[in-house]
C-alpha atoms as a PDB file:
ATOM      1  CA  MET A   1     104.163  92.779  86.147  1.00  0.00           C
ATOM      2  CA  TRP A   2     104.796  95.202  82.663  1.00  0.00           C
ATOM      3  CA  HIS A   3     103.672  95.749  79.399  1.00  0.00           C
ATOM      4  CA  PRO A   4     105.877  93.771  76.474  1.00  0.00           C
ATOM      5  CA  ASN A   5     104.611  97.090  74.659  1.00  0.00           C
ATOM      6  CA  CYS A   6     105.351  99.750  77.064  1.00  0.00           C
ATOM      7  CA  GLU A   7     107.414 102.421  76.068  1.00  0.00           C
ATOM      8  CA  LEU A   8     109.487 104.176  78.765  1.00  0.00           C
ATOM      9  CA  VAL A   9     110.422 108.024  80.071  1.00  0.00           C
ATOM     10  CA  LEU A  10     114.051 107.589  82.315  1.00  0.00           C
ATOM     11  CA  ARG A  11     114.556 110.083  84.372  1.00  0.00           C
ATOM     12  CA  ILE A  12     117.597 111.789  85.199  1.00  0.00           C
ATOM     13  CA  LYS A  13     118.681 113.608  88.636  1.00  0.00           C
ATOM     14  CA  PRO A  14     119.635 117.858  87.865  1.00  0.00           C
ATOM     15  CA  GLU A  15     123.080 118.312  88.791  1.00  0.00           C
ATOM     16  CA  GLU A  16     122.498 121.577  90.082  1.00  0.00           C
ATOM     17  CA  ASP A  17     121.108 122.293  93.668  1.00  0.00           C
ATOM     18  CA  SER A  18     117.990 124.872  93.197  1.00  0.00           C
ATOM     19  CA  GLY A  19     117.462 125.566  96.418  1.00  0.00           C
ATOM     20  CA  ALA A  20     113.663 123.725  96.744  1.00  0.00           C
ATOM     21  CA  GLN A  21     112.761 122.670  99.981  1.00  0.00           C
ATOM     22  CA  PHE A  22     111.610 120.083  99.139  1.00  0.00           C
ATOM     23  CA  SER A  23     114.666 118.008  97.039  1.00  0.00           C
ATOM     24  CA  LEU A  24     112.563 114.890  95.198  1.00  0.00           C
ATOM     25  CA  GLY A  25     116.930 113.820  93.304  1.00  0.00           C
ATOM     26  CA  LEU A  26     117.375 112.687  96.547  1.00  0.00           C
ATOM     27  CA  LYS A  27     114.833 110.041  96.010  1.00  0.00           C
ATOM     28  CA  PHE A  28     114.946 109.725  92.129  1.00  0.00           C
ATOM     29  CA  GLY A  29     116.919 109.992  88.230  1.00  0.00           C
ATOM     30  CA  ALA A  30     119.552 108.887  87.000  1.00  0.00           C
ATOM     31  CA  LEU A  31     122.749 110.735  87.129  1.00  0.00           C
ATOM     32  CA  LEU A  32     124.129 111.010  83.523  1.00  0.00           C
ATOM     33  CA  ASN A  33     127.247 109.157  83.869  1.00  0.00           C
ATOM     34  CA  GLU A  34     124.573 105.969  84.339  1.00  0.00           C
ATOM     35  CA  VAL A  35     122.477 106.911  81.571  1.00  0.00           C
ATOM     36  CA  PRO A  36     124.387 104.668  79.405  1.00  0.00           C
ATOM     37  CA  GLU A  37     123.859 101.834  80.715  1.00  0.00           C
ATOM     38  CA  LEU A  38     120.549 102.093  81.762  1.00  0.00           C
ATOM     39  CA  LEU A  39     119.686 103.021  77.951  1.00  0.00           C
ATOM     40  CA  LYS A  40     121.586 100.068  76.619  1.00  0.00           C
ATOM     41  CA  ALA A  41     119.853  97.997  78.811  1.00  0.00           C
ATOM     42  CA  ALA A  42     116.453  98.774  77.519  1.00  0.00           C
ATOM     43  CA  ASP A  43     117.664  98.596  74.291  1.00  0.00           C
ATOM     44  CA  GLU A  44     118.525  94.693  75.155  1.00  0.00           C
ATOM     45  CA  ALA A  45     115.650  94.434  76.368  1.00  0.00           C
ATOM     46  CA  GLY A  46     113.522  95.364  73.543  1.00  0.00           C
ATOM     47  CA  LEU A  47     112.035  98.266  75.594  1.00  0.00           C
ATOM     48  CA  LYS A  48     111.815 101.497  73.729  1.00  0.00           C
ATOM     49  CA  VAL A  49     112.490 104.784  76.136  1.00  0.00           C
ATOM     50  CA  ILE A  50     110.906 107.474  74.066  1.00  0.00           C
ATOM     51  CA  GLY A  51     111.670 110.766  76.261  1.00  0.00           C
ATOM     52  CA  VAL A  52     113.036 112.071  79.551  1.00  0.00           C
ATOM     53  CA  SER A  53     112.085 113.370  82.444  1.00  0.00           C
ATOM     54  CA  PHE A  54     112.971 115.299  85.276  1.00  0.00           C
ATOM     55  CA  HIS A  55     112.157 117.410  88.813  1.00  0.00           C
ATOM     56  CA  VAL A  56     113.759 120.647  89.802  1.00  0.00           C
ATOM     57  CA  GLY A  57     112.209 119.673  93.525  1.00  0.00           C
ATOM     58  CA  SER A  58     108.787 121.519  95.211  1.00  0.00           C
ATOM     59  CA  ALA A  59     108.106 125.141  96.971  1.00  0.00           C
ATOM     60  CA  GLY A  60     111.012 127.496  96.539  1.00  0.00           C
ATOM     61  CA  ALA A  61     113.463 126.325  93.838  1.00  0.00           C
ATOM     62  CA  ASN A  62     115.578 128.483  91.912  1.00  0.00           C
ATOM     63  CA  THR A  63     114.272 129.022  88.054  1.00  0.00           C
ATOM     64  CA  GLN A  64     116.852 129.281  86.251  1.00  0.00           C
ATOM     65  CA  ALA A  65     117.649 125.425  87.608  1.00  0.00           C
ATOM     66  CA  TYR A  66     114.756 124.275  84.359  1.00  0.00           C
ATOM     67  CA  ARG A  67     117.170 125.143  82.816  1.00  0.00           C
ATOM     68  CA  GLY A  68     120.375 123.666  83.388  1.00  0.00           C
ATOM     69  CA  ALA A  69     118.297 120.465  83.374  1.00  0.00           C
ATOM     70  CA  ILE A  70     116.576 120.953  80.643  1.00  0.00           C
ATOM     71  CA  LEU A  71     120.652 121.339  78.851  1.00  0.00           C
ATOM     72  CA  LEU A  72     120.754 117.422  80.485  1.00  0.00           C
ATOM     73  CA  ALA A  73     118.053 116.075  78.595  1.00  0.00           C
ATOM     74  CA  LYS A  74     118.452 117.321  75.645  1.00  0.00           C
ATOM     75  CA  THR A  75     122.292 115.868  76.642  1.00  0.00           C
ATOM     76  CA  VAL A  76     120.229 112.772  77.247  1.00  0.00           C
ATOM     77  CA  PHE A  77     118.526 112.955  73.953  1.00  0.00           C
ATOM     78  CA  GLU A  78     121.465 112.600  71.695  1.00  0.00           C
ATOM     79  CA  MET A  79     122.812 109.933  74.084  1.00  0.00           C
ATOM     80  CA  ALA A  80     120.092 107.567  72.979  1.00  0.00           C
ATOM     81  CA  SER A  81     121.161 108.685  68.898  1.00  0.00           C
ATOM     82  CA  HIS A  82     124.386 108.131  69.036  1.00  0.00           C
ATOM     83  CA  LEU A  83     123.804 104.252  70.774  1.00  0.00           C
ATOM     84  CA  GLY A  84     121.489 103.765  67.693  1.00  0.00           C
ATOM     85  CA  MET A  85     118.188 103.581  69.487  1.00  0.00           C
ATOM     86  CA  PRO A  86     115.006 105.924  67.866  1.00  0.00           C
ATOM     87  CA  LYS A  87     114.725 109.121  68.291  1.00  0.00           C
ATOM     88  CA  MET A  88     113.519 110.419  71.508  1.00  0.00           C
ATOM     89  CA  LYS A  89     110.213 113.306  71.469  1.00  0.00           C
ATOM     90  CA  ILE A  90     108.887 113.674  74.949  1.00  0.00           C
ATOM     91  CA  LEU A  91     110.067 115.664  77.721  1.00  0.00           C
ATOM     92  CA  ASN A  92     108.839 115.979  80.821  1.00  0.00           C
ATOM     93  CA  ILE A  93     109.845 118.540  83.152  1.00  0.00           C
ATOM     94  CA  GLY A  94     107.736 117.799  86.083  1.00  0.00           C
ATOM     95  CA  GLY A  95     106.605 120.091  88.997  1.00  0.00           C
ATOM     96  CA  GLY A  96     106.742 121.965  91.471  1.00  0.00           C
ATOM     97  CA  PHE A  97     105.872 125.419  89.915  1.00  0.00           C
ATOM     98  CA  THR A  98     103.338 127.587  92.691  1.00  0.00           C
ATOM     99  CA  ALA A  99     101.314 130.640  92.079  1.00  0.00           C
ATOM    100  CA  GLY A 100     102.172 134.234  91.478  1.00  0.00           C
ATOM    101  CA  SER A 101     105.738 135.855  89.887  1.00  0.00           C
ATOM    102  CA  LYS A 102     107.689 132.686  90.405  1.00  0.00           C
ATOM    103  CA  PHE A 103     105.538 130.718  88.010  1.00  0.00           C
ATOM    104  CA  ASP A 104     105.893 134.050  85.587  1.00  0.00           C
ATOM    105  CA  GLU A 105     110.020 133.493  85.924  1.00  0.00           C
ATOM    106  CA  ALA A 106     110.005 129.796  85.687  1.00  0.00           C
ATOM    107  CA  SER A 107     107.453 129.868  82.566  1.00  0.00           C
ATOM    108  CA  LEU A 108     110.537 132.525  80.711  1.00  0.00           C
ATOM    109  CA  ASN A 109     113.375 129.973  82.056  1.00  0.00           C
ATOM    110  CA  ILE A 110     111.930 127.321  80.809  1.00  0.00           C
ATOM    111  CA  LYS A 111     110.493 128.716  77.218  1.00  0.00           C
ATOM    112  CA  GLU A 112     114.405 130.364  76.350  1.00  0.00           C
ATOM    113  CA  ALA A 113     115.987 126.671  77.519  1.00  0.00           C
ATOM    114  CA  ILE A 114     113.567 124.728  75.434  1.00  0.00           C
ATOM    115  CA  LYS A 115     114.268 127.292  72.655  1.00  0.00           C
ATOM    116  CA  SER A 116     118.207 127.005  73.045  1.00  0.00           C
ATOM    117  CA  TYR A 117     118.234 123.330  73.191  1.00  0.00           C
ATOM    118  CA  PHE A 118     115.615 122.082  71.564  1.00  0.00           C
ATOM    119  CA  GLY A 119     115.016 124.266  69.020  1.00  0.00           C
ATOM    120  CA  ASN A 120     114.853 122.351  65.919  1.00  0.00           C
ATOM    121  CA  GLU A 121     113.102 119.118  67.612  1.00  0.00           C
ATOM    122  CA  ASP A 122     109.531 119.960  65.783  1.00  0.00           C
ATOM    123  CA  ASP A 123     107.572 116.620  66.834  1.00  0.00           C
ATOM    124  CA  LEU A 124     108.495 117.470  70.857  1.00  0.00           C
ATOM    125  CA  VAL A 125     105.705 116.756  73.162  1.00  0.00           C
ATOM    126  CA  VAL A 126     106.759 118.881  76.474  1.00  0.00           C
ATOM    127  CA  ILE A 127     104.752 117.628  79.250  1.00  0.00           C
ATOM    128  CA  SER A 128     104.777 118.998  82.975  1.00  0.00           C
ATOM    129  CA  GLU A 129     102.792 118.100  86.579  1.00  0.00           C
ATOM    130  CA  PRO A 130     101.502 121.588  87.711  1.00  0.00           C
ATOM    131  CA  GLY A 131      99.323 120.395  90.493  1.00  0.00           C
ATOM    132  CA  THR A 132     100.508 122.508  93.120  1.00  0.00           C
ATOM    133  CA  TYR A 133      98.920 125.863  90.532  1.00  0.00           C
ATOM    134  CA  PHE A 134      96.454 125.395  89.863  1.00  0.00           C
ATOM    135  CA  ALA A 135      95.608 123.860  93.814  1.00  0.00           C
ATOM    136  CA  GLN A 136      96.845 126.535  95.788  1.00  0.00           C
ATOM    137  CA  THR A 137      94.425 129.397  95.133  1.00  0.00           C
ATOM    138  CA  THR A 138      91.378 127.473  94.937  1.00  0.00           C
ATOM    139  CA  PHE A 139      90.981 126.947  98.827  1.00  0.00           C
ATOM    140  CA  THR A 140      91.065 129.435 101.721  1.00  0.00           C
ATOM    141  CA  LEU A 141      90.546 127.992 105.290  1.00  0.00           C
ATOM    142  CA  ALA A 142      88.626 129.563 107.614  1.00  0.00           C
ATOM    143  CA  THR A 143      89.144 128.709 111.874  1.00  0.00           C
ATOM    144  CA  LYS A 144      86.991 129.386 114.500  1.00  0.00           C
ATOM    145  CA  VAL A 145      89.374 130.919 117.675  1.00  0.00           C
ATOM    146  CA  ILE A 146      88.595 128.284 120.549  1.00  0.00           C
ATOM    147  CA  GLY A 147      90.621 130.015 123.095  1.00  0.00           C
ATOM    148  CA  LYS A 148      92.674 132.988 124.717  1.00  0.00           C
ATOM    149  CA  ARG A 149      95.322 134.283 126.901  1.00  0.00           C
ATOM    150  CA  VAL A 150      96.515 137.463 127.517  1.00  0.00           C
ATOM    151  CA  ARG A 151     100.238 137.846 128.993  1.00  0.00           C
ATOM    152  CA  GLY A 152     101.015 142.087 128.804  1.00  0.00           C
ATOM    153  CA  GLU A 153     100.519 142.602 125.054  1.00  0.00           C
ATOM    154  CA  LEU A 154     100.841 139.353 123.701  1.00  0.00           C
ATOM    155  CA  ARG A 155      98.261 137.661 122.715  1.00  0.00           C
ATOM    156  CA  GLU A 156      97.513 134.152 122.291  1.00  0.00           C
ATOM    157  CA  TYR A 157      94.425 131.950 120.443  1.00  0.00           C
ATOM    158  CA  TRP A 158      93.768 128.440 120.322  1.00  0.00           C
ATOM    159  CA  ILE A 159      92.507 128.192 116.926  1.00  0.00           C
ATOM    160  CA  ASP A 160      90.328 124.620 115.583  1.00  0.00           C
ATOM    161  CA  ASP A 161      93.371 123.860 113.136  1.00  0.00           C
ATOM    162  CA  GLY A 162      96.755 123.098 112.948  1.00  0.00           C
ATOM    163  CA  ILE A 163      99.326 121.748 111.579  1.00  0.00           C
ATOM    164  CA  TYR A 164      98.849 117.715 112.532  1.00  0.00           C
ATOM    165  CA  GLY A 165      95.893 119.286 110.311  1.00  0.00           C
ATOM    166  CA  THR A 166      95.372 121.825 107.086  1.00  0.00           C
ATOM    167  CA  LEU A 167      98.117 123.581 108.328  1.00  0.00           C
ATOM    168  CA  SER A 168     101.004 121.628 108.360  1.00  0.00           C
ATOM    169  CA  THR A 169     103.036 123.624 105.666  1.00  0.00           C
ATOM    170  CA  VAL A 170     102.986 126.703 107.898  1.00  0.00           C
ATOM    171  CA  ASN A 171     106.506 125.384 109.832  1.00  0.00           C
ATOM    172  CA  TYR A 172     108.132 125.335 106.263  1.00  0.00           C
ATOM    173  CA  ASP A 173     110.369 128.247 105.634  1.00  0.00           C
ATOM    174  CA  TYR A 174     109.015 129.082 101.906  1.00  0.00           C
ATOM    175  CA  PHE A 175     104.961 129.425 103.157  1.00  0.00           C
ATOM    176  CA  ILE A 176     103.989 132.470 102.664  1.00  0.00           C
ATOM    177  CA  VAL A 177     100.859 132.971 105.594  1.00  0.00           C
ATOM    178  CA  ILE A 178      98.152 134.985 104.015  1.00  0.00           C
ATOM    179  CA  CYS A 179      96.148 135.439 107.165  1.00  0.00           C
ATOM    180  CA  SER A 180      93.407 137.784 108.119  1.00  0.00           C
ATOM    181  CA  THR A 181      90.877 137.921 110.892  1.00  0.00           C
ATOM    182  CA  LEU A 182      87.002 138.045 110.723  1.00  0.00           C
ATOM    183  CA  ARG A 183      84.942 139.295 113.937  1.00  0.00           C
ATOM    184  CA  PHE A 184      81.875 137.535 113.710  1.00  0.00           C
ATOM    185  CA  GLY A 185      81.850 136.676 117.072  1.00  0.00           C
ATOM    186  CA  SER A 186      82.994 140.066 119.027  1.00  0.00           C
ATOM    187  CA  LYS A 187      82.248 142.797 116.581  1.00  0.00           C
ATOM    188  CA  PRO A 188      80.153 142.160 114.173  1.00  0.00           C
ATOM    189  CA  ASP A 189      79.747 145.955 113.052  1.00  0.00           C
ATOM    190  CA  ASP A 190      83.420 145.639 111.778  1.00  0.00           C
ATOM    191  CA  VAL A 191      84.169 141.847 111.293  1.00  0.00           C
ATOM    192  CA  THR A 192      87.143 143.139 109.277  1.00  0.00           C
ATOM    193  CA  CYS A 193      88.981 144.882 112.021  1.00  0.00           C
ATOM    194  CA  LYS A 194      90.279 148.397 109.555  1.00  0.00           C
ATOM    195  CA  ASP A 195      92.034 150.645 111.154  1.00  0.00           C
ATOM    196  CA  THR A 196      92.041 148.376 114.545  1.00  0.00           C
ATOM    197  CA  LYS A 197      95.216 148.073 116.971  1.00  0.00           C
ATOM    198  CA  THR A 198      97.193 145.194 116.600  1.00  0.00           C
ATOM    199  CA  PHE A 199      98.907 142.824 118.944  1.00  0.00           C
ATOM    200  CA  PRO A 200     101.801 140.572 118.440  1.00  0.00           C
ATOM    201  CA  SER A 201     100.006 137.466 118.647  1.00  0.00           C
ATOM    202  CA  THR A 202     100.855 133.725 119.003  1.00  0.00           C
ATOM    203  CA  VAL A 203      98.236 130.951 117.558  1.00  0.00           C
ATOM    204  CA  PHE A 204      98.422 127.391 118.546  1.00  0.00           C
ATOM    205  CA  GLY A 205      96.486 124.355 117.509  1.00  0.00           C
ATOM    206  CA  PRO A 206      94.530 122.193 119.080  1.00  0.00           C
ATOM    207  CA  THR A 207      96.378 119.467 120.192  1.00  0.00           C
ATOM    208  CA  CYS A 208      98.244 119.305 122.786  1.00  0.00           C
ATOM    209  CA  ASP A 209     101.771 119.519 121.931  1.00  0.00           C
ATOM    210  CA  SER A 210     103.567 122.634 122.199  1.00  0.00           C
ATOM    211  CA  THR A 211     105.233 122.395 118.651  1.00  0.00           C
ATOM    212  CA  ASP A 212     101.606 122.691 116.827  1.00  0.00           C
ATOM    213  CA  THR A 213     101.811 126.037 116.514  1.00  0.00           C
ATOM    214  CA  VAL A 214     101.075 128.338 113.821  1.00  0.00           C
ATOM    215  CA  LEU A 215     102.091 131.623 113.889  1.00  0.00           C
ATOM    216  CA  LYS A 216     104.541 133.311 115.757  1.00  0.00           C
ATOM    217  CA  GLU A 217     105.158 137.488 117.091  1.00  0.00           C
ATOM    218  CA  TYR A 218     102.286 137.898 114.253  1.00  0.00           C
ATOM    219  CA  SER A 219     100.341 141.193 114.183  1.00  0.00           C
ATOM    220  CA  LEU A 220      96.653 140.961 115.345  1.00  0.00           C
ATOM    221  CA  PRO A 221      93.608 142.652 116.290  1.00  0.00           C
ATOM    222  CA  GLU A 222      91.945 141.895 119.703  1.00  0.00           C
ATOM    223  CA  LEU A 223      90.157 138.806 119.274  1.00  0.00           C
ATOM    224  CA  GLU A 224      87.945 136.677 121.035  1.00  0.00           C
ATOM    225  CA  ILE A 225      86.712 133.301 121.590  1.00  0.00           C
ATOM    226  CA  ASN A 226      84.649 132.254 118.339  1.00  0.00           C
ATOM    227  CA  ASP A 227      86.208 135.265 116.006  1.00  0.00           C
ATOM    228  CA  TRP A 228      87.638 134.357 113.278  1.00  0.00           C
ATOM    229  CA  LEU A 229      91.483 133.604 111.146  1.00  0.00           C
ATOM    230  CA  VAL A 230      90.962 133.213 107.445  1.00  0.00           C
ATOM    231  CA  PHE A 231      94.311 131.423 105.672  1.00  0.00           C
ATOM    232  CA  SER A 232      94.218 132.313 101.678  1.00  0.00           C
ATOM    233  CA  ASN A 233      96.515 129.875  99.481  1.00  0.00           C
ATOM    234  CA  MET A 234      95.477 126.585 101.173  1.00  0.00           C
ATOM    235  CA  GLY A 235      94.460 124.365  97.650  1.00  0.00           C
ATOM    236  CA  ALA A 236      98.006 122.289  97.743  1.00  0.00           C
ATOM    237  CA  TYR A 237      99.196 119.979 100.356  1.00  0.00           C
ATOM    238  CA  THR A 238      96.866 120.806 103.058  1.00  0.00           C
ATOM    239  CA  SER A 239      93.707 118.613 104.007  1.00  0.00           C
ATOM    240  CA  SER A 240      96.165 116.154 102.471  1.00  0.00           C
ATOM    241  CA  LEU A 241      98.627 115.709 104.513  1.00  0.00           C
ATOM    242  CA  GLY A 242      96.305 115.920 107.488  1.00  0.00           C
ATOM    243  CA  THR A 243      95.875 113.821 110.647  1.00  0.00           C
ATOM    244  CA  ASN A 244      93.858 112.083 112.619  1.00  0.00           C
ATOM    245  CA  PHE A 245      96.591 112.987 115.960  1.00  0.00           C
ATOM    246  CA  ASN A 246      95.232 113.506 119.335  1.00  0.00           C
ATOM    247  CA  GLY A 247      91.355 112.650 118.113  1.00  0.00           C
ATOM    248  CA  PHE A 248      90.967 116.135 116.146  1.00  0.00           C
ATOM    249  CA  SER A 249      89.565 114.556 112.495  1.00  0.00           C
ATOM    250  CA  SER A 250      91.087 116.423 110.051  1.00  0.00           C
ATOM    251  CA  SER A 251      88.940 114.930 107.632  1.00  0.00           C
ATOM    252  CA  ALA A 252      85.956 116.679 109.767  1.00  0.00           C
ATOM    253  CA  LYS A 253      85.321 120.040 107.858  1.00  0.00           C
ATOM    254  CA  ASN A 254      82.551 121.675 106.527  1.00  0.00           C
ATOM    255  CA  VAL A 255      83.327 122.760 102.708  1.00  0.00           C
ATOM    256  CA  TYR A 256      81.748 125.383 100.511  1.00  0.00           C
ATOM    257  CA  ILE A 257      81.575 125.494  97.370  1.00  0.00           C
ATOM    258  CA  ALA A 258      81.917 129.626  95.702  1.00  0.00           C
ATOM    259  CA  CYS A 259      80.816 129.138  92.305  1.00  0.00           C
ATOM    260  CA  SER A 260      81.013 132.323  89.430  1.00  0.00           C
ATOM    261  CA  SER A 261      80.829 133.039  86.096  1.00  0.00           C
END
């Protein structure tokens, strides 16, 4: 079913490899040589194509890829004009943005590319999808130590969450683990463990699967059962990717909202 007065945005596949961990171009997006036929088909069907969209991929993308994709979009705008179609006005630059310096770098490249290739398009509407950027830093995950094993200098811990729950993204190279400790169980007088000897540590999730490993060779102070490991920047692609594997419900978590003015 479709609406007879709907307007379309043509999704294209960026030509250069962005190096992103999740390349959405494998599944979506027209190649440049496919665009004229698609535009003609839409025009013959009486459908109005009002813009172009693309996505360079999520997580770890080379921010220079936005420049090439924006140039490609401009080429499609010009193709539509040469075919006598109505002027396009929407440029959707997709998502994949993460918080921090990468976002600043991407913003500069995007701004410069739009100025270079669309500088004369006063009525251009630019859309982006910065979901990860907004969500990433909004949540912190606190996990409790539920098991411990000592083998020489190596410390091994089990926590009550893992890769089948909220921590599925820790196995990807792009994910920067920010982990701190709270020793409420063993050292309530020094919960943050400052100036404490650390040990190479492995942290496992709660399931029976040995691949459910959250950290390897990670320096941690001596912890005991009922101490806590705290992970920052856990607002994006965490609980939404959780499962109920092994009977551990990823939705059975207490959520606390902290607000400030």
